[in-house]
Amino acid sequence: QVRLVESGGGLVQTGGSLRLSCVASGSISGHRAVGWYRQAPGKQRELVAQIFSGDATNYADSVKGRFTISRDNTKNTVYLQMNSLKPEDTGVYLCNVARWLGYDYWGQGTQVTVSS
């Protein structure tokens, strides 16, 4: 079992930036992917960004060009740099580790609120 702890969320104005961090209690390398999802009120959880074991990345169309996912395997940490934030980016951001076999690991989430 790997425990994931997110931080870095907060309240920001439209156009602002935030950097989210997700620290894992164990190694994040070797898994199929690590990434960020978000959950907005009344909406389904959606993928925001993920980085695969071979370092390829995948982004939701709505965040391309604004968000950047990265990881530091030496620190067991995944980051999400979010720039040019919009009100529609508001939600709880959850860290995810997708395993090759078995269930994924999830963090508890960090709230991001973008005011207009």
C-alpha atoms as a PDB file:
ATOM      1  CA  GLN A   1       0.000   0.000   0.000  1.00  0.00           C
ATOM      2  CA  VAL A   2       1.295   3.439  -0.970  1.00  0.00           C
ATOM      3  CA  ARG A   3      -0.081   6.507   0.771  1.00  0.00           C
ATOM      4  CA  LEU A   4      -0.418   9.689  -1.269  1.00  0.00           C
ATOM      5  CA  VAL A   5      -0.574  13.146   0.291  1.00  0.00           C
ATOM      6  CA  GLU A   6      -1.432  16.165  -1.835  1.00  0.00           C
ATOM      7  CA  SER A   7      -0.697  19.791  -1.051  1.00  0.00           C
ATOM      8  CA  GLY A   8      -0.532  23.170  -2.737  1.00  0.00           C
ATOM      9  CA  GLY A   9      -4.179  23.878  -3.356  1.00  0.00           C
ATOM     10  CA  GLY A  10      -5.849  27.122  -2.429  1.00  0.00           C
ATOM     11  CA  LEU A  11      -7.818  30.114  -3.601  1.00  0.00           C
ATOM     12  CA  VAL A  12      -6.489  32.013  -6.596  1.00  0.00           C
ATOM     13  CA  GLN A  13      -7.838  34.591  -9.007  1.00  0.00           C
ATOM     14  CA  THR A  14      -8.445  33.929 -12.677  1.00  0.00           C
ATOM     15  CA  GLY A  15      -5.140  33.963 -14.515  1.00  0.00           C
ATOM     16  CA  GLY A  16      -3.169  32.966 -11.453  1.00  0.00           C
ATOM     17  CA  SER A  17      -0.935  29.970 -10.848  1.00  0.00           C
ATOM     18  CA  LEU A  18      -0.641  27.147  -8.363  1.00  0.00           C
ATOM     19  CA  ARG A  19       1.739  24.244  -7.987  1.00  0.00           C
ATOM     20  CA  LEU A  20       0.367  21.034  -6.565  1.00  0.00           C
ATOM     21  CA  SER A  21       2.557  18.372  -4.998  1.00  0.00           C
ATOM     22  CA  CYS A  22       1.831  14.748  -4.237  1.00  0.00           C
ATOM     23  CA  VAL A  23       4.213  12.921  -1.944  1.00  0.00           C
ATOM     24  CA  ALA A  24       4.075   9.129  -1.910  1.00  0.00           C
ATOM     25  CA  SER A  25       5.037   6.948   1.028  1.00  0.00           C
ATOM     26  CA  GLY A  26       6.713   4.543  -1.367  1.00  0.00           C
ATOM     27  CA  SER A  27       8.294   4.467  -4.774  1.00  0.00           C
ATOM     28  CA  ILE A  28       6.327   5.945  -7.670  1.00  0.00           C
ATOM     29  CA  SER A  29       8.665   4.640 -10.337  1.00  0.00           C
ATOM     30  CA  GLY A  30       7.818   1.387 -12.055  1.00  0.00           C
ATOM     31  CA  HIS A  31       4.076   1.912 -11.981  1.00  0.00           C
ATOM     32  CA  ARG A  32       2.063   2.220 -15.164  1.00  0.00           C
ATOM     33  CA  ALA A  33       1.403   5.913 -14.639  1.00  0.00           C
ATOM     34  CA  VAL A  34       1.073   8.634 -12.050  1.00  0.00           C
ATOM     35  CA  GLY A  35      -1.276  11.519 -12.485  1.00  0.00           C
ATOM     36  CA  TRP A  36      -3.814  14.049 -11.342  1.00  0.00           C
ATOM     37  CA  TYR A  37      -7.578  13.928 -11.533  1.00  0.00           C
ATOM     38  CA  ARG A  38     -10.110  16.509 -10.454  1.00  0.00           C
ATOM     39  CA  GLN A  39     -13.593  16.331  -9.060  1.00  0.00           C
ATOM     40  CA  ALA A  40     -15.881  19.320  -9.393  1.00  0.00           C
ATOM     41  CA  PRO A  41     -19.234  19.543  -7.581  1.00  0.00           C
ATOM     42  CA  GLY A  42     -21.915  17.702  -9.515  1.00  0.00           C
ATOM     43  CA  LYS A  43     -19.480  16.441 -12.108  1.00  0.00           C
ATOM     44  CA  GLN A  44     -17.692  13.189 -12.735  1.00  0.00           C
ATOM     45  CA  ARG A  45     -14.083  12.782 -11.786  1.00  0.00           C
ATOM     46  CA  GLU A  46     -11.918  13.579 -14.792  1.00  0.00           C
ATOM     47  CA  LEU A  47      -8.330  13.022 -15.752  1.00  0.00           C
ATOM     48  CA  VAL A  48      -6.270  16.205 -15.768  1.00  0.00           C
ATOM     49  CA  ALA A  49      -2.779  14.948 -16.537  1.00  0.00           C
ATOM     50  CA  GLN A  50      -0.715  11.820 -16.252  1.00  0.00           C
ATOM     51  CA  ILE A  51       2.848  10.758 -16.830  1.00  0.00           C
ATOM     52  CA  PHE A  52       3.631   7.215 -17.873  1.00  0.00           C
ATOM     53  CA  SER A  53       6.486   4.938 -16.914  1.00  0.00           C
ATOM     54  CA  GLY A  54       8.318   5.858 -20.117  1.00  0.00           C
ATOM     55  CA  ASP A  55       7.860   9.581 -19.346  1.00  0.00           C
ATOM     56  CA  ALA A  56       5.223  10.190 -22.005  1.00  0.00           C
ATOM     57  CA  THR A  57       2.527  12.561 -20.824  1.00  0.00           C
ATOM     58  CA  ASN A  58      -1.167  12.926 -21.423  1.00  0.00           C
ATOM     59  CA  TYR A  59      -3.332  15.977 -20.730  1.00  0.00           C
ATOM     60  CA  ALA A  60      -6.987  16.774 -20.835  1.00  0.00           C
ATOM     61  CA  ASP A  61      -7.710  19.048 -23.794  1.00  0.00           C
ATOM     62  CA  SER A  62      -8.993  21.726 -21.440  1.00  0.00           C
ATOM     63  CA  VAL A  63      -5.604  22.115 -19.716  1.00  0.00           C
ATOM     64  CA  LYS A  64      -3.166  21.630 -22.586  1.00  0.00           C
ATOM     65  CA  GLY A  65      -0.705  24.485 -22.781  1.00  0.00           C
ATOM     66  CA  ARG A  66      -1.554  25.661 -19.261  1.00  0.00           C
ATOM     67  CA  PHE A  67      -0.719  22.724 -16.972  1.00  0.00           C
ATOM     68  CA  THR A  68       2.495  20.737 -16.728  1.00  0.00           C
ATOM     69  CA  ILE A  69       2.929  17.444 -14.916  1.00  0.00           C
ATOM     70  CA  SER A  70       6.319  16.316 -13.695  1.00  0.00           C
ATOM     71  CA  ARG A  71       7.780  13.919 -11.179  1.00  0.00           C
ATOM     72  CA  ASP A  72      10.880  13.469  -9.067  1.00  0.00           C
ATOM     73  CA  ASN A  73      11.401   9.764  -8.461  1.00  0.00           C
ATOM     74  CA  THR A  74      14.156  10.487  -5.939  1.00  0.00           C
ATOM     75  CA  LYS A  75      11.592  12.292  -3.777  1.00  0.00           C
ATOM     76  CA  ASN A  76       8.633  10.042  -4.652  1.00  0.00           C
ATOM     77  CA  THR A  77       6.795  13.211  -5.634  1.00  0.00           C
ATOM     78  CA  VAL A  78       4.529  14.218  -8.508  1.00  0.00           C
ATOM     79  CA  TYR A  79       3.885  17.859  -9.347  1.00  0.00           C
ATOM     80  CA  LEU A  80       1.254  19.722 -11.289  1.00  0.00           C
ATOM     81  CA  GLN A  81       2.128  23.250 -12.330  1.00  0.00           C
ATOM     82  CA  MET A  82      -1.068  25.092 -13.172  1.00  0.00           C
ATOM     83  CA  ASN A  83      -0.896  28.422 -14.976  1.00  0.00           C
ATOM     84  CA  SER A  84      -3.528  30.739 -16.441  1.00  0.00           C
ATOM     85  CA  LEU A  85      -6.127  29.253 -14.133  1.00  0.00           C
ATOM     86  CA  LYS A  86      -9.798  29.585 -14.981  1.00  0.00           C
ATOM     87  CA  PRO A  87     -12.913  29.286 -12.816  1.00  0.00           C
ATOM     88  CA  GLU A  88     -13.723  25.998 -14.535  1.00  0.00           C
ATOM     89  CA  ASP A  89     -10.500  24.565 -13.102  1.00  0.00           C
ATOM     90  CA  THR A  90     -12.095  24.673  -9.662  1.00  0.00           C
ATOM     91  CA  GLY A  91     -12.372  21.333  -7.908  1.00  0.00           C
ATOM     92  CA  VAL A  92     -10.686  18.814  -5.682  1.00  0.00           C
ATOM     93  CA  TYR A  93      -7.467  17.611  -7.253  1.00  0.00           C
ATOM     94  CA  LEU A  94      -6.546  14.022  -6.490  1.00  0.00           C
ATOM     95  CA  CYS A  95      -3.259  12.285  -7.000  1.00  0.00           C
ATOM     96  CA  ASN A  96      -3.353   8.845  -8.604  1.00  0.00           C
ATOM     97  CA  VAL A  97      -0.920   5.992  -9.050  1.00  0.00           C
ATOM     98  CA  ALA A  98      -2.023   3.530 -11.704  1.00  0.00           C
ATOM     99  CA  ARG A  99      -0.544   0.121 -11.124  1.00  0.00           C
ATOM    100  CA  TRP A 100       0.136  -2.538 -13.738  1.00  0.00           C
ATOM    101  CA  LEU A 101      -1.854  -5.017 -11.671  1.00  0.00           C
ATOM    102  CA  GLY A 102      -4.366  -4.383  -8.942  1.00  0.00           C
ATOM    103  CA  TYR A 103      -6.270  -1.335  -7.840  1.00  0.00           C
ATOM    104  CA  ASP A 104      -4.983   2.203  -8.169  1.00  0.00           C
ATOM    105  CA  TYR A 105      -3.760   4.278  -5.255  1.00  0.00           C
ATOM    106  CA  TRP A 106      -5.525   7.570  -4.535  1.00  0.00           C
ATOM    107  CA  GLY A 107      -4.821  10.531  -2.327  1.00  0.00           C
ATOM    108  CA  GLN A 108      -7.408  12.441  -0.338  1.00  0.00           C
ATOM    109  CA  GLY A 109      -7.223  15.488  -2.573  1.00  0.00           C
ATOM    110  CA  THR A 110      -6.482  19.176  -2.323  1.00  0.00           C
ATOM    111  CA  GLN A 111      -9.016  21.901  -3.039  1.00  0.00           C
ATOM    112  CA  VAL A 112      -8.378  24.387  -5.833  1.00  0.00           C
ATOM    113  CA  THR A 113     -10.715  27.339  -6.141  1.00  0.00           C
ATOM    114  CA  VAL A 114     -10.372  29.871  -8.930  1.00  0.00           C
ATOM    115  CA  SER A 115     -12.364  33.064  -8.469  1.00  0.00           C
ATOM    116  CA  SER A 116     -13.607  35.099 -11.386  1.00  0.00           C
END
